Amino acid sequence: MEALLLTHLAATDDDMRELALQRGVIVRDYLALQKLPLERLFLGAAKAVPPEAKWSPRAELNLSAR
């Protein structure tokens, strides 16, 4: 099933950037609902990673206090 999906599922770099942006917006909105001030919440640009021989789905979230 996995092989079948991978051969027929097309996802461009633009699709991946859009997905990353959507995920970031969801996290930002959740944090805003937790009463964090919007002026302290920022979305960074999605970073493209070159294809790896052994790929696994993942997401990175970086939080910092300024």
Protein backbone atom coordinates (compact mmCIF):
# COMPACT_ATOMS: atom_id res chain seq x y z
CA MET A 1 0.00 0.00 0.00
CA GLU A 2 2.80 2.41 0.91
CA ALA A 3 4.62 1.82 -2.38
CA LEU A 4 1.41 2.34 -4.32
CA LEU A 5 0.71 5.61 -2.54
CA LEU A 6 4.25 6.89 -3.02
CA THR A 7 4.21 6.20 -6.75
CA HIS A 8 0.84 7.89 -7.33
CA LEU A 9 0.90 10.73 -4.85
CA ALA A 10 2.51 13.86 -6.23
CA ALA A 11 3.59 16.55 -3.80
CA THR A 12 5.66 19.49 -5.01
CA ASP A 13 8.02 21.64 -2.96
CA ASP A 14 5.37 24.36 -3.06
CA ASP A 15 2.83 21.91 -1.63
CA MET A 16 5.20 21.08 1.22
CA ARG A 17 5.87 24.78 1.97
CA GLU A 18 2.12 25.46 2.03
CA LEU A 19 1.55 22.53 4.40
CA ALA A 20 4.33 23.79 6.69
CA LEU A 21 2.79 27.27 6.69
CA GLN A 22 -0.66 25.88 7.51
CA ARG A 23 0.78 23.89 10.42
CA GLY A 24 2.58 26.97 11.72
CA VAL A 25 -0.60 29.04 11.57
CA ILE A 26 -2.49 26.37 13.52
CA VAL A 27 0.18 26.31 16.24
CA ARG A 28 0.26 30.13 16.37
CA ASP A 29 -3.51 30.30 16.66
CA TYR A 30 -3.51 27.69 19.43
CA LEU A 31 -0.90 29.65 21.38
CA ALA A 32 -2.94 32.83 20.89
CA LEU A 33 -5.97 31.03 22.36
CA GLN A 34 -3.79 30.27 25.40
CA LYS A 35 -3.56 34.06 25.93
CA LEU A 36 -0.05 34.57 24.51
CA PRO A 37 0.15 38.05 22.94
CA LEU A 38 0.05 37.95 19.14
CA GLU A 39 2.88 40.48 18.92
CA ARG A 40 5.15 37.83 20.49
CA LEU A 41 4.21 35.05 18.07
CA PHE A 42 6.05 34.79 14.76
CA LEU A 43 6.02 32.38 11.87
CA GLY A 44 9.37 31.56 10.30
CA ALA A 45 9.86 30.63 6.66
CA ALA A 46 9.63 26.95 5.84
CA LYS A 47 13.02 25.42 5.13
CA ALA A 48 13.39 23.02 2.23
CA VAL A 49 15.41 19.93 3.01
CA PRO A 50 17.05 17.92 0.23
CA PRO A 51 15.57 14.48 -0.33
CA GLU A 52 17.15 11.83 1.85
CA ALA A 53 17.69 8.19 1.00
CA LYS A 54 15.78 7.12 4.11
CA TRP A 55 13.00 9.64 4.65
CA SER A 56 10.58 9.67 7.54
CA PRO A 57 7.84 12.20 8.22
CA ARG A 58 8.71 14.81 10.83
CA ALA A 59 8.17 18.39 11.87
CA GLU A 60 10.39 20.74 13.83
CA LEU A 61 9.13 23.35 16.25
CA ASN A 62 11.53 25.91 17.66
CA LEU A 63 10.51 28.07 20.59
CA SER A 64 12.62 30.86 21.99
CA ALA A 65 12.20 33.59 24.57
CA ARG A 66 13.28 37.06 23.60
